[in-house]
Amino acid sequence: MANLKEVKGRIQSVTSTQQITKAMKMVAAAKLRRAQDRITQMRPYSEKLTGILRNVTSSVSDNLENEYAVVREVNRVALVVVSSDKGLCGAFNSSVFKAAVNLLKTKYKEQNEFGGVTIIPLGKKAMEFFKKRNYKVDTKYWDIFSNLSFDEVRPVAEYLMEAYKAGDFDAVELVYNEFKNVATQVLKVEKFLPIEPSEIAEGSTSNSNAIDYIYEPSKEFIVKELIPKSLKIQVYKATLESNASEQGARMTAMDKATDNAGELLKELKLMYNRTRQAAITKEILEIVGGAEALKSS
């Protein structure tokens, strides 16, 4: 059985750990509230913008050239993987990495074998994970979460859009965690480019749901303005979703860690009391044995 000093040291160590996890849980809860407010405010705007785009494009002639919807043979792929900058958030990062690696091994296996896949990490953990495993990584934008804002995320979307127009990429996909609630994050794999016709015209062929807009200067001009904006919002929304999911995952992980530390403390205190009782009993037996020895002498 462990001695009292060793058990006491373990109790102090677990107590300190529990205090840290409690503090981290409170910090994550405060950050989660801000992140949750941002994404709940962004969702209606993003959905409305997408809805307007669908209604407008449903009545635009097929002759309208959409440079972001050009479908080419997929030889070069950009995979945007959104992670966190820090750990201690449960399976938040590992689930994203697992999904991205699965894409590389299945859907884009051929492209990956000849080096046609570029990983664009948004977040330190993603950058470290893929660089360590010798994937082709573009590290220009990994630190956007140090000051997350639309101005920070916009260059990422613009880079992807320009690279796609130039033919540097034939397909772009986003891998991130969507925020559902504090305890639940939904893994999302979304095609960013090319824009598929179903994505901008789905559900809009029915005239009963179409909205009769007044256009100025023209439908075509508005579509050309809306599509780039919608794409930038899509990337920004993905980072906000991931940020809120990260804080929720960290809050949940730290809550469980605090509870586990509490259970471990109960066991250690019970062990401490048993060890202490055993030591006292041993001393009493030694005293009684010594007294009996003196009597017999």
Foldseek 3Di string as FASTA:
>chain_A
DDALVVLVVVLVVLVVVLVVLVVLLVVLVVLLVVLVVVLVVLVVVLVVLLVVLQLLVQPDDPPQDDLQQDADDFQAEEEEQEAAQDDLLPCQRVVLVVVVVVCCVPVVVVNQVVQRYEYEYQYNVVVVVCVVVPHHYDDPHNDCVVPPDLVSQQVVLVVVSVCCSVVSGNWYWYWAWADDDLQDTHTDIGTLTRDHSCSRHPPNNDPVPRDDDDDPPDSSVVSVVSPSVSSSSVRSSRNSRRSSNRSSSNSVSSVVSSVVSVVVSVVSVVVSVVSVVVVVVVVVVVVVVVVVVVVVD
